[in-house]
Amino acid sequence: MKLRRESAGHGAESLDEIFGDDGVRSPPRQIVDLRHSPSVYFERKEIYETLKRALERLPLIYREVFILREIRQLSVNETALLLHITIPTVKSTLYRAKLRLRQFLLPLWRTT
């Protein structure tokens, strides 16, 4: 039995390892949760700030479509209705927004 699923390289710990085969709890072990480590926090903050700056560089319509579709997870129809544009315009604008974001972000990831 697993405590949680293995995801993105994070190991899961078996309850059998904690309690043993006979059901008696073995000596406690320290379980490290890296989600709250300072280095992970600052890395995520840096990525967030980089993405935020890249989004701010997009033209308004590109930014609106990208945020509604990719961040707020609205459908193409909902996005079109909300912005008063056609469905093909939503699709092409999202594609162009992603291309621009790639142009802004790719040089940053190549230098690291």
N, C-alpha and C. Protein backbone atom coordinates (compact mmCIF):
# COMPACT_ATOMS: atom_id res chain seq x y z
N MET A 1 0.85 -1.18 0.00
CA MET A 1 0.00 0.00 0.00
C MET A 1 0.90 1.24 0.00
N LYS A 2 0.55 2.24 -0.77
CA LYS A 2 1.35 3.45 -0.88
C LYS A 2 0.66 4.60 -0.16
N LEU A 3 1.47 5.49 0.44
CA LEU A 3 0.92 6.68 1.06
C LEU A 3 0.40 7.66 0.02
N ARG A 4 1.17 7.84 -1.02
CA ARG A 4 0.76 8.70 -2.13
C ARG A 4 1.43 8.21 -3.38
N ARG A 5 0.87 8.60 -4.47
CA ARG A 5 1.41 8.16 -5.75
C ARG A 5 2.73 8.81 -6.03
N GLU A 6 3.54 8.10 -6.78
CA GLU A 6 4.80 8.65 -7.22
C GLU A 6 4.54 9.63 -8.34
N SER A 7 5.06 10.85 -8.20
CA SER A 7 4.86 11.84 -9.26
C SER A 7 6.13 12.64 -9.46
N ALA A 8 6.49 12.78 -10.72
CA ALA A 8 7.62 13.61 -11.14
C ALA A 8 8.89 13.32 -10.34
N GLY A 9 9.16 12.01 -10.10
CA GLY A 9 10.40 11.67 -9.44
C GLY A 9 10.33 11.68 -7.93
N HIS A 10 9.24 12.11 -7.34
CA HIS A 10 9.11 12.09 -5.89
C HIS A 10 8.71 10.68 -5.49
N GLY A 11 9.42 10.11 -4.54
CA GLY A 11 9.14 8.74 -4.14
C GLY A 11 7.94 8.66 -3.22
N ALA A 12 7.27 7.55 -3.29
CA ALA A 12 6.19 7.27 -2.35
C ALA A 12 6.76 6.32 -1.31
N GLU A 13 6.22 6.37 -0.14
CA GLU A 13 6.71 5.51 0.92
C GLU A 13 5.66 4.46 1.23
N SER A 14 6.08 3.23 1.27
CA SER A 14 5.18 2.13 1.51
C SER A 14 4.81 2.08 2.98
N LEU A 15 3.54 1.82 3.26
CA LEU A 15 3.11 1.65 4.65
C LEU A 15 3.75 0.42 5.26
N ASP A 16 4.06 -0.58 4.41
CA ASP A 16 4.74 -1.78 4.90
C ASP A 16 6.12 -1.44 5.45
N GLU A 17 6.79 -0.48 4.82
CA GLU A 17 8.10 -0.06 5.30
C GLU A 17 8.00 0.65 6.64
N ILE A 18 6.94 1.40 6.85
CA ILE A 18 6.76 2.13 8.10
C ILE A 18 6.35 1.18 9.22
N PHE A 19 5.37 0.32 8.95
CA PHE A 19 4.81 -0.53 9.99
C PHE A 19 5.44 -1.92 10.04
N GLY A 20 6.08 -2.33 8.98
CA GLY A 20 6.65 -3.67 8.95
C GLY A 20 5.59 -4.69 8.61
N ASP A 21 6.03 -5.92 8.36
CA ASP A 21 5.10 -6.98 7.96
C ASP A 21 4.16 -7.39 9.07
N ASP A 22 4.60 -7.25 10.33
CA ASP A 22 3.77 -7.71 11.43
C ASP A 22 2.81 -6.64 11.95
N GLY A 23 2.80 -5.46 11.37
CA GLY A 23 1.89 -4.39 11.77
C GLY A 23 2.42 -3.54 12.91
N VAL A 24 3.60 -3.87 13.44
CA VAL A 24 4.19 -3.10 14.53
C VAL A 24 5.00 -1.97 13.92
N ARG A 25 4.79 -0.78 14.46
CA ARG A 25 5.48 0.40 13.92
C ARG A 25 6.97 0.31 14.17
N SER A 26 7.76 0.47 13.10
CA SER A 26 9.20 0.48 13.24
C SER A 26 9.65 1.86 13.73
N PRO A 27 10.91 2.00 14.07
CA PRO A 27 11.40 3.29 14.58
C PRO A 27 11.07 4.42 13.61
N PRO A 28 10.72 5.60 14.13
CA PRO A 28 10.34 6.72 13.25
C PRO A 28 11.49 7.16 12.36
N ARG A 29 11.13 7.55 11.16
CA ARG A 29 12.11 8.10 10.22
C ARG A 29 11.69 9.51 9.88
N GLN A 30 12.63 10.33 9.58
CA GLN A 30 12.32 11.70 9.19
C GLN A 30 11.90 11.70 7.73
N ILE A 31 10.74 12.25 7.46
CA ILE A 31 10.25 12.37 6.08
C ILE A 31 10.40 13.83 5.68
N VAL A 32 11.13 14.06 4.62
CA VAL A 32 11.42 15.40 4.17
C VAL A 32 10.39 15.82 3.13
N ASP A 33 9.77 16.95 3.34
CA ASP A 33 8.81 17.50 2.39
C ASP A 33 9.48 18.70 1.71
N LEU A 34 9.90 18.50 0.47
CA LEU A 34 10.64 19.55 -0.24
C LEU A 34 9.75 20.67 -0.77
N ARG A 35 8.43 20.50 -0.66
CA ARG A 35 7.54 21.56 -1.15
C ARG A 35 7.72 22.85 -0.38
N HIS A 36 8.19 22.75 0.86
CA HIS A 36 8.30 23.94 1.69
C HIS A 36 9.74 24.38 1.91
N SER A 37 10.67 23.83 1.14
CA SER A 37 12.06 24.23 1.32
C SER A 37 12.28 25.60 0.69
N PRO A 38 13.16 26.40 1.27
CA PRO A 38 13.43 27.74 0.73
C PRO A 38 13.89 27.74 -0.72
N SER A 39 14.73 26.77 -1.08
CA SER A 39 15.24 26.76 -2.46
C SER A 39 14.10 26.52 -3.46
N VAL A 40 13.18 25.60 -3.14
CA VAL A 40 12.05 25.34 -4.03
C VAL A 40 11.16 26.58 -4.10
N TYR A 41 10.93 27.22 -2.96
CA TYR A 41 10.09 28.42 -2.92
C TYR A 41 10.68 29.50 -3.83
N PHE A 42 11.97 29.77 -3.71
CA PHE A 42 12.58 30.84 -4.50
C PHE A 42 12.67 30.47 -5.98
N GLU A 43 12.87 29.20 -6.27
CA GLU A 43 12.88 28.77 -7.66
C GLU A 43 11.51 28.98 -8.30
N ARG A 44 10.46 28.58 -7.60
CA ARG A 44 9.11 28.78 -8.12
C ARG A 44 8.78 30.26 -8.26
N LYS A 45 9.21 31.06 -7.29
CA LYS A 45 8.96 32.50 -7.35
C LYS A 45 9.67 33.12 -8.56
N GLU A 46 10.89 32.67 -8.81
CA GLU A 46 11.64 33.19 -9.95
C GLU A 46 10.96 32.82 -11.26
N ILE A 47 10.49 31.58 -11.38
CA ILE A 47 9.78 31.15 -12.58
C ILE A 47 8.50 31.95 -12.75
N TYR A 48 7.76 32.14 -11.66
CA TYR A 48 6.51 32.92 -11.69
C TYR A 48 6.79 34.34 -12.17
N GLU A 49 7.80 34.98 -11.62
CA GLU A 49 8.12 36.36 -12.01
C GLU A 49 8.55 36.44 -13.47
N THR A 50 9.31 35.46 -13.94
CA THR A 50 9.75 35.44 -15.33
C THR A 50 8.55 35.30 -16.26
N LEU A 51 7.64 34.39 -15.94
CA LEU A 51 6.43 34.22 -16.76
C LEU A 51 5.56 35.47 -16.72
N LYS A 52 5.46 36.07 -15.57
CA LYS A 52 4.65 37.29 -15.43
C LYS A 52 5.20 38.41 -16.32
N ARG A 53 6.53 38.58 -16.30
CA ARG A 53 7.15 39.61 -17.15
C ARG A 53 6.93 39.30 -18.63
N ALA A 54 7.04 38.03 -19.00
CA ALA A 54 6.82 37.65 -20.40
C ALA A 54 5.38 37.91 -20.82
N LEU A 55 4.42 37.59 -19.95
CA LEU A 55 3.01 37.85 -20.26
C LEU A 55 2.74 39.35 -20.40
N GLU A 56 3.40 40.16 -19.59
CA GLU A 56 3.20 41.61 -19.67
C GLU A 56 3.72 42.19 -20.98
N ARG A 57 4.64 41.50 -21.61
CA ARG A 57 5.19 41.97 -22.89
C ARG A 57 4.27 41.67 -24.07
N LEU A 58 3.32 40.76 -23.87
CA LEU A 58 2.39 40.41 -24.95
C LEU A 58 1.41 41.54 -25.22
N PRO A 59 0.97 41.67 -26.46
CA PRO A 59 -0.13 42.60 -26.74
C PRO A 59 -1.36 42.19 -25.92
N LEU A 60 -2.21 43.14 -25.59
CA LEU A 60 -3.34 42.91 -24.70
C LEU A 60 -4.22 41.73 -25.14
N ILE A 61 -4.58 41.66 -26.41
CA ILE A 61 -5.48 40.59 -26.86
C ILE A 61 -4.82 39.23 -26.71
N TYR A 62 -3.52 39.13 -26.98
CA TYR A 62 -2.80 37.87 -26.81
C TYR A 62 -2.80 37.46 -25.34
N ARG A 63 -2.52 38.44 -24.48
CA ARG A 63 -2.48 38.17 -23.04
C ARG A 63 -3.84 37.72 -22.52
N GLU A 64 -4.90 38.41 -22.95
CA GLU A 64 -6.25 38.07 -22.50
C GLU A 64 -6.62 36.64 -22.91
N VAL A 65 -6.39 36.32 -24.17
CA VAL A 65 -6.73 34.98 -24.66
C VAL A 65 -5.88 33.93 -23.95
N PHE A 66 -4.60 34.18 -23.79
CA PHE A 66 -3.73 33.21 -23.13
C PHE A 66 -4.17 32.97 -21.69
N ILE A 67 -4.44 34.02 -20.96
CA ILE A 67 -4.85 33.87 -19.56
C ILE A 67 -6.18 33.15 -19.45
N LEU A 68 -7.14 33.52 -20.28
CA LEU A 68 -8.45 32.88 -20.20
C LEU A 68 -8.38 31.40 -20.57
N ARG A 69 -7.62 31.07 -21.61
CA ARG A 69 -7.57 29.68 -22.06
C ARG A 69 -6.63 28.82 -21.22
N GLU A 70 -5.41 29.29 -20.98
CA GLU A 70 -4.39 28.45 -20.37
C GLU A 70 -4.35 28.53 -18.85
N ILE A 71 -4.70 29.66 -18.29
CA ILE A 71 -4.63 29.79 -16.84
C ILE A 71 -6.00 29.59 -16.20
N ARG A 72 -7.00 30.25 -16.75
CA ARG A 72 -8.35 30.10 -16.18
C ARG A 72 -9.10 28.91 -16.75
N GLN A 73 -8.51 28.25 -17.75
CA GLN A 73 -9.05 27.01 -18.32
C GLN A 73 -10.46 27.16 -18.92
N LEU A 74 -10.75 28.33 -19.50
CA LEU A 74 -12.04 28.50 -20.18
C LEU A 74 -11.99 27.79 -21.53
N SER A 75 -13.13 27.40 -22.02
CA SER A 75 -13.20 26.77 -23.33
C SER A 75 -13.02 27.83 -24.41
N VAL A 76 -12.84 27.35 -25.64
CA VAL A 76 -12.72 28.28 -26.77
C VAL A 76 -14.00 29.08 -26.92
N ASN A 77 -15.14 28.42 -26.79
CA ASN A 77 -16.43 29.11 -26.90
C ASN A 77 -16.60 30.18 -25.83
N GLU A 78 -16.27 29.82 -24.57
CA GLU A 78 -16.40 30.78 -23.47
C GLU A 78 -15.48 31.98 -23.67
N THR A 79 -14.27 31.72 -24.12
CA THR A 79 -13.32 32.80 -24.37
C THR A 79 -13.82 33.72 -25.48
N ALA A 80 -14.32 33.13 -26.55
CA ALA A 80 -14.84 33.92 -27.67
C ALA A 80 -16.02 34.80 -27.22
N LEU A 81 -16.93 34.22 -26.45
CA LEU A 81 -18.08 34.99 -25.97
C LEU A 81 -17.64 36.12 -25.04
N LEU A 82 -16.74 35.82 -24.16
CA LEU A 82 -16.29 36.82 -23.19
C LEU A 82 -15.57 37.99 -23.85
N LEU A 83 -14.77 37.71 -24.87
CA LEU A 83 -13.98 38.75 -25.53
C LEU A 83 -14.67 39.33 -26.78
N HIS A 84 -15.83 38.77 -27.11
CA HIS A 84 -16.58 39.23 -28.30
C HIS A 84 -15.76 39.09 -29.58
N ILE A 85 -15.14 37.91 -29.71
CA ILE A 85 -14.39 37.59 -30.93
C ILE A 85 -14.84 36.21 -31.40
N THR A 86 -14.43 35.84 -32.60
CA THR A 86 -14.86 34.55 -33.16
C THR A 86 -13.98 33.42 -32.61
N ILE A 87 -14.47 32.20 -32.75
CA ILE A 87 -13.73 31.02 -32.30
C ILE A 87 -12.40 30.88 -33.06
N PRO A 88 -12.40 31.04 -34.40
CA PRO A 88 -11.10 30.96 -35.10
C PRO A 88 -10.11 32.04 -34.63
N THR A 89 -10.63 33.21 -34.27
CA THR A 89 -9.75 34.27 -33.77
C THR A 89 -9.14 33.87 -32.43
N VAL A 90 -9.92 33.22 -31.57
CA VAL A 90 -9.39 32.74 -30.28
C VAL A 90 -8.26 31.75 -30.54
N LYS A 91 -8.48 30.82 -31.44
CA LYS A 91 -7.48 29.78 -31.72
C LYS A 91 -6.20 30.37 -32.29
N SER A 92 -6.34 31.24 -33.27
CA SER A 92 -5.14 31.81 -33.89
C SER A 92 -4.41 32.76 -32.93
N THR A 93 -5.16 33.49 -32.12
CA THR A 93 -4.55 34.41 -31.17
C THR A 93 -3.79 33.65 -30.09
N LEU A 94 -4.37 32.55 -29.63
CA LEU A 94 -3.69 31.72 -28.64
C LEU A 94 -2.40 31.15 -29.22
N TYR A 95 -2.47 30.68 -30.45
CA TYR A 95 -1.28 30.15 -31.10
C TYR A 95 -0.18 31.22 -31.19
N ARG A 96 -0.56 32.41 -31.61
CA ARG A 96 0.42 33.51 -31.74
C ARG A 96 0.96 33.93 -30.38
N ALA A 97 0.11 33.91 -29.36
CA ALA A 97 0.57 34.26 -28.01
C ALA A 97 1.62 33.26 -27.53
N LYS A 98 1.38 31.98 -27.79
CA LYS A 98 2.34 30.95 -27.39
C LYS A 98 3.66 31.10 -28.14
N LEU A 99 3.58 31.45 -29.42
CA LEU A 99 4.81 31.68 -30.19
C LEU A 99 5.61 32.84 -29.61
N ARG A 100 4.92 33.92 -29.30
CA ARG A 100 5.61 35.08 -28.72
C ARG A 100 6.22 34.75 -27.37
N LEU A 101 5.47 34.04 -26.53
CA LEU A 101 6.00 33.66 -25.22
C LEU A 101 7.24 32.79 -25.38
N ARG A 102 7.19 31.89 -26.34
CA ARG A 102 8.35 31.04 -26.60
C ARG A 102 9.55 31.89 -27.01
N GLN A 103 9.32 32.90 -27.85
CA GLN A 103 10.41 33.79 -28.27
C GLN A 103 11.00 34.54 -27.08
N PHE A 104 10.14 34.96 -26.15
CA PHE A 104 10.61 35.70 -24.97
C PHE A 104 11.36 34.79 -23.99
N LEU A 105 10.87 33.57 -23.82
CA LEU A 105 11.38 32.70 -22.75
C LEU A 105 12.52 31.80 -23.18
N LEU A 106 12.57 31.41 -24.42
CA LEU A 106 13.60 30.47 -24.88
C LEU A 106 15.02 30.96 -24.60
N PRO A 107 15.35 32.21 -24.89
CA PRO A 107 16.71 32.67 -24.59
C PRO A 107 17.05 32.59 -23.10
N LEU A 108 16.09 32.76 -22.23
CA LEU A 108 16.34 32.70 -20.80
C LEU A 108 16.69 31.29 -20.35
N TRP A 109 16.02 30.28 -20.92
CA TRP A 109 16.29 28.91 -20.53
C TRP A 109 17.54 28.36 -21.19
N ARG A 110 17.93 28.92 -22.30
CA ARG A 110 19.16 28.46 -22.97
C ARG A 110 20.40 28.94 -22.22
N THR A 111 20.31 30.06 -21.53
CA THR A 111 21.47 30.60 -20.82
C THR A 111 21.68 29.96 -19.47
N THR A 112 20.68 29.22 -18.97
CA THR A 112 20.84 28.61 -17.65
C THR A 112 21.28 27.19 -17.74
